[in-house]
PDB file of all heavy atoms in Angstrom:
ATOM      1  N   TYR A   1      -7.875  -7.534  15.476  1.00  0.00           N
ATOM      2  CA  TYR A   1      -6.779  -7.959  14.687  1.00  0.00           C
ATOM      3  C   TYR A   1      -5.942  -6.785  14.168  1.00  0.00           C
ATOM      4  O   TYR A   1      -6.496  -5.673  13.901  1.00  0.00           O
ATOM      5  CB  TYR A   1      -7.308  -8.739  13.484  1.00  0.00           C
ATOM      6  CG  TYR A   1      -7.886 -10.048  13.854  1.00  0.00           C
ATOM      7  CD1 TYR A   1      -9.262 -10.150  14.183  1.00  0.00           C
ATOM      8  CD2 TYR A   1      -7.183 -11.279  13.884  1.00  0.00           C
ATOM      9  CE1 TYR A   1      -9.867 -11.349  14.607  1.00  0.00           C
ATOM     10  CE2 TYR A   1      -7.711 -12.436  14.268  1.00  0.00           C
ATOM     11  CZ  TYR A   1      -9.111 -12.476  14.645  1.00  0.00           C
ATOM     12  OH  TYR A   1      -9.638 -13.666  15.012  1.00  0.00           O
ATOM     13  N   PRO A   2      -4.654  -6.953  14.013  1.00  0.00           N
ATOM     14  CA  PRO A   2      -3.827  -5.894  13.450  1.00  0.00           C
ATOM     15  C   PRO A   2      -4.338  -5.501  12.013  1.00  0.00           C
ATOM     16  O   PRO A   2      -4.794  -6.315  11.336  1.00  0.00           O
ATOM     17  CB  PRO A   2      -2.472  -6.466  13.372  1.00  0.00           C
ATOM     18  CG  PRO A   2      -2.406  -7.573  14.401  1.00  0.00           C
ATOM     19  CD  PRO A   2      -3.817  -8.132  14.452  1.00  0.00           C
ATOM     20  N   ASN A   3      -4.273  -4.215  11.767  1.00  0.00           N
ATOM     21  CA  ASN A   3      -4.849  -3.681  10.603  1.00  0.00           C
ATOM     22  C   ASN A   3      -3.855  -3.886   9.383  1.00  0.00           C
ATOM     23  O   ASN A   3      -3.400  -2.924   8.735  1.00  0.00           O
ATOM     24  CB  ASN A   3      -5.163  -2.225  10.725  1.00  0.00           C
ATOM     25  CG  ASN A   3      -6.447  -1.850  10.154  1.00  0.00           C
ATOM     26  OD1 ASN A   3      -7.022  -2.473   9.307  1.00  0.00           O
ATOM     27  ND2 ASN A   3      -7.067  -0.713  10.637  1.00  0.00           N
ATOM     28  N   ASP A   4      -3.579  -5.177   9.136  1.00  0.00           N
ATOM     29  CA  ASP A   4      -2.575  -5.430   8.014  1.00  0.00           C
ATOM     30  C   ASP A   4      -2.993  -6.660   7.172  1.00  0.00           C
ATOM     31  O   ASP A   4      -3.945  -7.423   7.633  1.00  0.00           O
ATOM     32  CB  ASP A   4      -1.182  -5.641   8.519  1.00  0.00           C
ATOM     33  CG  ASP A   4      -1.102  -6.697   9.590  1.00  0.00           C
ATOM     34  OD1 ASP A   4      -1.800  -7.686   9.477  1.00  0.00           O
ATOM     35  OD2 ASP A   4      -0.312  -6.558  10.565  1.00  0.00           O
ATOM     36  N   ARG A   5      -2.399  -6.861   6.120  1.00  0.00           N
ATOM     37  CA  ARG A   5      -2.745  -7.923   5.166  1.00  0.00           C
ATOM     38  C   ARG A   5      -2.535  -9.286   5.768  1.00  0.00           C
ATOM     39  O   ARG A   5      -3.238 -10.252   5.502  1.00  0.00           O
ATOM     40  CB  ARG A   5      -1.967  -7.797   3.871  1.00  0.00           C
ATOM     41  CG  ARG A   5      -2.346  -8.756   2.772  1.00  0.00           C
ATOM     42  CD  ARG A   5      -1.549  -8.437   1.471  1.00  0.00           C
ATOM     43  NE  ARG A   5      -1.949  -9.350   0.434  1.00  0.00           N
ATOM     44  CZ  ARG A   5      -1.438  -9.308  -0.811  1.00  0.00           C
ATOM     45  NH1 ARG A   5      -0.590  -8.346  -1.113  1.00  0.00           N
ATOM     46  NH2 ARG A   5      -1.868 -10.171  -1.701  1.00  0.00           N
ATOM     47  N   GLU A   6      -1.421  -9.388   6.552  1.00  0.00           N
ATOM     48  CA  GLU A   6      -1.061 -10.683   7.204  1.00  0.00           C
ATOM     49  C   GLU A   6      -2.159 -11.328   8.001  1.00  0.00           C
ATOM     50  O   GLU A   6      -2.263 -12.561   8.166  1.00  0.00           O
ATOM     51  CB  GLU A   6       0.238 -10.555   7.996  1.00  0.00           C
ATOM     52  CG  GLU A   6       1.464 -10.321   7.153  1.00  0.00           C
ATOM     53  CD  GLU A   6       1.577  -8.963   6.556  1.00  0.00           C
ATOM     54  OE1 GLU A   6       0.831  -8.043   7.095  1.00  0.00           O
ATOM     55  OE2 GLU A   6       2.349  -8.794   5.573  1.00  0.00           O
ATOM     56  N   HIS A   7      -2.994 -10.469   8.672  1.00  0.00           N
ATOM     57  CA  HIS A   7      -3.982 -10.981   9.586  1.00  0.00           C
ATOM     58  C   HIS A   7      -5.384 -10.999   8.946  1.00  0.00           C
ATOM     59  O   HIS A   7      -6.385 -11.229   9.697  1.00  0.00           O
ATOM     60  CB  HIS A   7      -3.991 -10.141  10.863  1.00  0.00           C
ATOM     61  CG  HIS A   7      -2.725 -10.335  11.647  1.00  0.00           C
ATOM     62  ND1 HIS A   7      -1.601  -9.567  11.411  1.00  0.00           N
ATOM     63  CD2 HIS A   7      -2.403 -11.130  12.725  1.00  0.00           C
ATOM     64  CE1 HIS A   7      -0.588  -9.945  12.248  1.00  0.00           C
ATOM     65  NE2 HIS A   7      -1.083 -10.931  13.094  1.00  0.00           N
ATOM     66  N   LEU A   8      -5.500 -10.621   7.689  1.00  0.00           N
ATOM     67  CA  LEU A   8      -6.730 -10.471   7.085  1.00  0.00           C
ATOM     68  C   LEU A   8      -7.561 -11.784   7.031  1.00  0.00           C
ATOM     69  O   LEU A   8      -8.811 -11.863   7.360  1.00  0.00           O
ATOM     70  CB  LEU A   8      -6.554  -9.921   5.613  1.00  0.00           C
ATOM     71  CG  LEU A   8      -7.760  -9.204   4.996  1.00  0.00           C
ATOM     72  CD1 LEU A   8      -8.303  -8.091   5.964  1.00  0.00           C
ATOM     73  CD2 LEU A   8      -7.363  -8.639   3.641  1.00  0.00           C
ATOM     74  N   GLU A   9      -6.918 -12.923   6.689  1.00  0.00           N
ATOM     75  CA  GLU A   9      -7.572 -14.151   6.628  1.00  0.00           C
ATOM     76  C   GLU A   9      -8.100 -14.581   8.037  1.00  0.00           C
ATOM     77  O   GLU A   9      -9.167 -15.149   8.040  1.00  0.00           O
ATOM     78  CB  GLU A   9      -6.686 -15.218   5.951  1.00  0.00           C
ATOM     79  CG  GLU A   9      -6.494 -15.095   4.509  1.00  0.00           C
ATOM     80  CD  GLU A   9      -5.889 -16.314   3.854  1.00  0.00           C
ATOM     81  OE1 GLU A   9      -5.501 -17.338   4.590  1.00  0.00           O
ATOM     82  OE2 GLU A   9      -5.734 -16.363   2.634  1.00  0.00           O
ATOM     83  N   GLU A  10      -7.313 -14.375   9.019  1.00  0.00           N
ATOM     84  CA  GLU A  10      -7.698 -14.764  10.382  1.00  0.00           C
ATOM     85  C   GLU A  10      -8.996 -13.940  10.699  1.00  0.00           C
ATOM     86  O   GLU A  10      -9.971 -14.506  11.353  1.00  0.00           O
ATOM     87  CB  GLU A  10      -6.612 -14.375  11.377  1.00  0.00           C
ATOM     88  CG  GLU A  10      -5.401 -15.207  11.269  1.00  0.00           C
ATOM     89  CD  GLU A  10      -4.372 -14.733  12.264  1.00  0.00           C
ATOM     90  OE1 GLU A  10      -4.700 -14.537  13.415  1.00  0.00           O
ATOM     91  OE2 GLU A  10      -3.134 -14.554  11.854  1.00  0.00           O
ATOM     92  N   MET A  11      -9.062 -12.687  10.404  1.00  0.00           N
ATOM     93  CA  MET A  11     -10.202 -11.878  10.669  1.00  0.00           C
ATOM     94  C   MET A  11     -11.413 -12.428   9.874  1.00  0.00           C
ATOM     95  O   MET A  11     -12.495 -12.510  10.419  1.00  0.00           O
ATOM     96  CB  MET A  11      -9.935 -10.374  10.424  1.00  0.00           C
ATOM     97  CG  MET A  11     -11.027  -9.452  10.832  1.00  0.00           C
ATOM     98  SD  MET A  11     -12.316  -9.205   9.648  1.00  0.00           S
ATOM     99  CE  MET A  11     -11.507  -8.160   8.428  1.00  0.00           C
ATOM    100  N   TRP A  12     -11.241 -12.723   8.628  1.00  0.00           N
ATOM    101  CA  TRP A  12     -12.337 -13.219   7.775  1.00  0.00           C
ATOM    102  C   TRP A  12     -12.961 -14.484   8.370  1.00  0.00           C
ATOM    103  O   TRP A  12     -14.157 -14.641   8.388  1.00  0.00           O
ATOM    104  CB  TRP A  12     -11.834 -13.474   6.371  1.00  0.00           C
ATOM    105  CG  TRP A  12     -11.565 -12.266   5.550  1.00  0.00           C
ATOM    106  CD1 TRP A  12     -12.083 -10.981   5.748  1.00  0.00           C
ATOM    107  CD2 TRP A  12     -10.723 -12.135   4.402  1.00  0.00           C
ATOM    108  NE1 TRP A  12     -11.583 -10.121   4.770  1.00  0.00           N
ATOM    109  CE2 TRP A  12     -10.757 -10.824   3.959  1.00  0.00           C
ATOM    110  CE3 TRP A  12      -9.913 -13.005   3.690  1.00  0.00           C
ATOM    111  CZ2 TRP A  12     -10.056 -10.362   2.798  1.00  0.00           C
ATOM    112  CZ3 TRP A  12      -9.207 -12.618   2.565  1.00  0.00           C
ATOM    113  CH2 TRP A  12      -9.313 -11.272   2.138  1.00  0.00           C
ATOM    114  N   ILE A  13     -12.043 -15.351   8.777  1.00  0.00           N
ATOM    115  CA  ILE A  13     -12.494 -16.673   9.333  1.00  0.00           C
ATOM    116  C   ILE A  13     -13.255 -16.430  10.655  1.00  0.00           C
ATOM    117  O   ILE A  13     -14.319 -16.990  10.884  1.00  0.00           O
ATOM    118  CB  ILE A  13     -11.318 -17.619   9.575  1.00  0.00           C
ATOM    119  CG1 ILE A  13     -10.717 -18.063   8.259  1.00  0.00           C
ATOM    120  CG2 ILE A  13     -11.705 -18.820  10.433  1.00  0.00           C
ATOM    121  CD1 ILE A  13      -9.361 -18.712   8.406  1.00  0.00           C
ATOM    122  N   ASP A  14     -12.745 -15.601  11.475  1.00  0.00           N
ATOM    123  CA  ASP A  14     -13.378 -15.293  12.787  1.00  0.00           C
ATOM    124  C   ASP A  14     -14.760 -14.714  12.624  1.00  0.00           C
ATOM    125  O   ASP A  14     -15.713 -15.201  13.260  1.00  0.00           O
ATOM    126  CB  ASP A  14     -12.477 -14.364  13.627  1.00  0.00           C
ATOM    127  CG  ASP A  14     -12.893 -14.254  15.057  1.00  0.00           C
ATOM    128  OD1 ASP A  14     -13.873 -14.914  15.477  1.00  0.00           O
ATOM    129  OD2 ASP A  14     -12.182 -13.568  15.887  1.00  0.00           O
ATOM    130  N   ARG A  15     -14.917 -13.725  11.731  1.00  0.00           N
ATOM    131  CA  ARG A  15     -16.240 -13.162  11.609  1.00  0.00           C
ATOM    132  C   ARG A  15     -17.283 -14.053  11.052  1.00  0.00           C
ATOM    133  O   ARG A  15     -18.396 -14.077  11.435  1.00  0.00           O
ATOM    134  CB  ARG A  15     -16.162 -11.852  10.754  1.00  0.00           C
ATOM    135  CG  ARG A  15     -15.905 -12.023   9.255  1.00  0.00           C
ATOM    136  CD  ARG A  15     -15.967 -10.710   8.564  1.00  0.00           C
ATOM    137  NE  ARG A  15     -15.633 -10.868   7.158  1.00  0.00           N
ATOM    138  CZ  ARG A  15     -15.512  -9.886   6.321  1.00  0.00           C
ATOM    139  NH1 ARG A  15     -15.633  -8.642   6.771  1.00  0.00           N
ATOM    140  NH2 ARG A  15     -15.254 -10.059   5.029  1.00  0.00           N
ATOM    141  N   MET A  16     -16.864 -14.937  10.128  1.00  0.00           N
ATOM    142  CA  MET A  16     -17.817 -15.868   9.578  1.00  0.00           C
ATOM    143  C   MET A  16     -18.129 -16.974  10.598  1.00  0.00           C
ATOM    144  O   MET A  16     -19.282 -17.440  10.656  1.00  0.00           O
ATOM    145  CB  MET A  16     -17.337 -16.498   8.246  1.00  0.00           C
ATOM    146  CG  MET A  16     -18.328 -17.432   7.621  1.00  0.00           C
ATOM    147  SD  MET A  16     -20.035 -16.752   7.444  1.00  0.00           S
ATOM    148  CE  MET A  16     -19.727 -15.626   6.095  1.00  0.00           C
ATOM    149  N   ASN A  17     -17.103 -17.478  11.374  1.00  0.00           N
ATOM    150  CA  ASN A  17     -17.416 -18.383  12.422  1.00  0.00           C
ATOM    151  C   ASN A  17     -18.494 -17.826  13.443  1.00  0.00           C
ATOM    152  O   ASN A  17     -19.357 -18.600  13.833  1.00  0.00           O
ATOM    153  CB  ASN A  17     -16.102 -18.704  13.215  1.00  0.00           C
ATOM    154  CG  ASN A  17     -15.381 -19.942  12.616  1.00  0.00           C
ATOM    155  OD1 ASN A  17     -16.007 -20.845  12.057  1.00  0.00           O
ATOM    156  ND2 ASN A  17     -14.035 -19.874  12.637  1.00  0.00           N
ATOM    157  N   ARG A  18     -18.285 -16.572  13.713  1.00  0.00           N
ATOM    158  CA  ARG A  18     -19.210 -15.967  14.666  1.00  0.00           C
ATOM    159  C   ARG A  18     -20.602 -15.833  14.003  1.00  0.00           C
ATOM    160  O   ARG A  18     -21.629 -16.005  14.700  1.00  0.00           O
ATOM    161  CB  ARG A  18     -18.711 -14.585  15.127  1.00  0.00           C
ATOM    162  CG  ARG A  18     -17.434 -14.645  15.927  1.00  0.00           C
ATOM    163  CD  ARG A  18     -17.021 -13.248  16.368  1.00  0.00           C
ATOM    164  NE  ARG A  18     -15.722 -13.323  17.053  1.00  0.00           N
ATOM    165  CZ  ARG A  18     -15.434 -12.602  18.122  1.00  0.00           C
ATOM    166  NH1 ARG A  18     -16.262 -11.735  18.665  1.00  0.00           N
ATOM    167  NH2 ARG A  18     -14.186 -12.678  18.675  1.00  0.00           N
ATOM    168  N   THR A  19     -20.651 -15.486  12.745  1.00  0.00           N
ATOM    169  CA  THR A  19     -21.938 -15.424  12.087  1.00  0.00           C
ATOM    170  C   THR A  19     -22.647 -16.753  11.999  1.00  0.00           C
ATOM    171  O   THR A  19     -23.853 -16.894  12.325  1.00  0.00           O
ATOM    172  CB  THR A  19     -21.701 -14.875  10.622  1.00  0.00           C
ATOM    173  OG1 THR A  19     -21.054 -13.594  10.651  1.00  0.00           O
ATOM    174  CG2 THR A  19     -23.043 -14.764   9.862  1.00  0.00           C
ATOM    175  N   LEU A  20     -21.915 -17.763  11.686  1.00  0.00           N
ATOM    176  CA  LEU A  20     -22.477 -19.145  11.577  1.00  0.00           C
ATOM    177  C   LEU A  20     -22.903 -19.668  12.990  1.00  0.00           C
ATOM    178  O   LEU A  20     -23.990 -20.299  13.065  1.00  0.00           O
ATOM    179  CB  LEU A  20     -21.410 -20.068  11.014  1.00  0.00           C
ATOM    180  CG  LEU A  20     -21.124 -19.846   9.471  1.00  0.00           C
ATOM    181  CD1 LEU A  20     -19.910 -20.708   9.060  1.00  0.00           C
ATOM    182  CD2 LEU A  20     -22.324 -20.041   8.549  1.00  0.00           C
ATOM    183  N   SER A  21     -22.129 -19.359  13.980  1.00  0.00           N
ATOM    184  CA  SER A  21     -22.504 -19.711  15.313  1.00  0.00           C
ATOM    185  C   SER A  21     -23.866 -19.128  15.746  1.00  0.00           C
ATOM    186  O   SER A  21     -24.734 -19.767  16.407  1.00  0.00           O
ATOM    187  CB  SER A  21     -21.425 -19.302  16.324  1.00  0.00           C
ATOM    188  OG  SER A  21     -20.230 -20.101  16.086  1.00  0.00           O
ATOM    189  N   ALA A  22     -24.051 -17.847  15.355  1.00  0.00           N
ATOM    190  CA  ALA A  22     -25.329 -17.144  15.677  1.00  0.00           C
ATOM    191  C   ALA A  22     -26.494 -17.760  14.950  1.00  0.00           C
ATOM    192  O   ALA A  22     -27.661 -17.638  15.411  1.00  0.00           O
ATOM    193  CB  ALA A  22     -25.177 -15.665  15.361  1.00  0.00           C
ATOM    194  N   LEU A  23     -26.179 -18.481  13.875  1.00  0.00           N
ATOM    195  CA  LEU A  23     -27.230 -19.161  13.129  1.00  0.00           C
ATOM    196  C   LEU A  23     -27.393 -20.545  13.578  1.00  0.00           C
ATOM    197  O   LEU A  23     -28.098 -21.328  12.896  1.00  0.00           O
ATOM    198  CB  LEU A  23     -26.876 -19.185  11.572  1.00  0.00           C
ATOM    199  CG  LEU A  23     -26.806 -17.810  10.885  1.00  0.00           C
ATOM    200  CD1 LEU A  23     -26.351 -17.972   9.419  1.00  0.00           C
ATOM    201  CD2 LEU A  23     -28.220 -17.179  10.891  1.00  0.00           C
ATOM    202  N   ASN A  24     -26.723 -20.965  14.620  1.00  0.00           N
ATOM    203  CA  ASN A  24     -26.665 -22.356  15.122  1.00  0.00           C
ATOM    204  C   ASN A  24     -26.086 -23.313  14.100  1.00  0.00           C
ATOM    205  O   ASN A  24     -26.504 -24.457  14.001  1.00  0.00           O
ATOM    206  CB  ASN A  24     -28.077 -22.779  15.485  1.00  0.00           C
ATOM    207  CG  ASN A  24     -28.617 -22.054  16.706  1.00  0.00           C
ATOM    208  OD1 ASN A  24     -27.960 -21.763  17.655  1.00  0.00           O
ATOM    209  ND2 ASN A  24     -29.917 -21.673  16.585  1.00  0.00           N
ATOM    210  N   GLU A  25     -25.119 -22.782  13.316  1.00  0.00           N
ATOM    211  CA  GLU A  25     -24.369 -23.528  12.308  1.00  0.00           C
ATOM    212  C   GLU A  25     -22.897 -23.645  12.597  1.00  0.00           C
ATOM    213  O   GLU A  25     -22.104 -24.007  11.769  1.00  0.00           O
ATOM    214  CB  GLU A  25     -24.633 -22.915  10.945  1.00  0.00           C
ATOM    215  CG  GLU A  25     -26.083 -22.948  10.418  1.00  0.00           C
ATOM    216  CD  GLU A  25     -26.552 -24.222   9.976  1.00  0.00           C
ATOM    217  OE1 GLU A  25     -25.683 -25.197   9.795  1.00  0.00           O
ATOM    218  OE2 GLU A  25     -27.768 -24.397   9.784  1.00  0.00           O
ATOM    219  N   GLY A  26     -22.535 -23.392  13.859  1.00  0.00           N
ATOM    220  CA  GLY A  26     -21.145 -23.342  14.268  1.00  0.00           C
ATOM    221  C   GLY A  26     -20.585 -24.766  14.144  1.00  0.00           C
ATOM    222  O   GLY A  26     -21.296 -25.757  14.441  1.00  0.00           O
ATOM    223  N   ASN A  27     -19.293 -24.809  13.943  1.00  0.00           N
ATOM    224  CA  ASN A  27     -18.562 -26.068  13.981  1.00  0.00           C
ATOM    225  C   ASN A  27     -18.873 -27.097  12.831  1.00  0.00           C
ATOM    226  O   ASN A  27     -18.482 -28.240  12.851  1.00  0.00           O
ATOM    227  CB  ASN A  27     -18.695 -26.903  15.292  1.00  0.00           C
ATOM    228  CG  ASN A  27     -18.257 -26.061  16.531  1.00  0.00           C
ATOM    229  OD1 ASN A  27     -17.207 -25.417  16.400  1.00  0.00           O
ATOM    230  ND2 ASN A  27     -18.986 -26.095  17.574  1.00  0.00           N
ATOM    231  N   LYS A  28     -19.743 -26.558  11.880  1.00  0.00           N
ATOM    232  CA  LYS A  28     -20.047 -27.412  10.705  1.00  0.00           C
ATOM    233  C   LYS A  28     -19.251 -27.102   9.508  1.00  0.00           C
ATOM    234  O   LYS A  28     -19.195 -27.908   8.522  1.00  0.00           O
ATOM    235  CB  LYS A  28     -21.537 -27.174  10.364  1.00  0.00           C
ATOM    236  CG  LYS A  28     -22.532 -27.607  11.420  1.00  0.00           C
ATOM    237  CD  LYS A  28     -23.907 -27.416  10.940  1.00  0.00           C
ATOM    238  CE  LYS A  28     -24.966 -27.885  12.038  1.00  0.00           C
ATOM    239  NZ  LYS A  28     -26.378 -27.608  11.649  1.00  0.00           N
ATOM    240  N   TYR A  29     -18.510 -25.937   9.532  1.00  0.00           N
ATOM    241  CA  TYR A  29     -17.752 -25.488   8.355  1.00  0.00           C
ATOM    242  C   TYR A  29     -16.324 -25.116   8.827  1.00  0.00           C
ATOM    243  O   TYR A  29     -16.160 -24.332   9.682  1.00  0.00           O
ATOM    244  CB  TYR A  29     -18.484 -24.291   7.752  1.00  0.00           C
ATOM    245  CG  TYR A  29     -19.903 -24.650   7.318  1.00  0.00           C
ATOM    246  CD1 TYR A  29     -20.981 -24.367   8.204  1.00  0.00           C
ATOM    247  CD2 TYR A  29     -20.200 -25.180   6.103  1.00  0.00           C
ATOM    248  CE1 TYR A  29     -22.232 -24.669   7.858  1.00  0.00           C
ATOM    249  CE2 TYR A  29     -21.438 -25.554   5.740  1.00  0.00           C
ATOM    250  CZ  TYR A  29     -22.516 -25.273   6.622  1.00  0.00           C
ATOM    251  OH  TYR A  29     -23.823 -25.646   6.358  1.00  0.00           O
TER     252      TYR A  29
END
């Protein structure tokens, strides 16, 4: 993601989605 404020939320969502998927909790949140 571009290193700026505009894309910060996208990055936050992506990293937690990946974390939850690794816990087999993907697509629940």
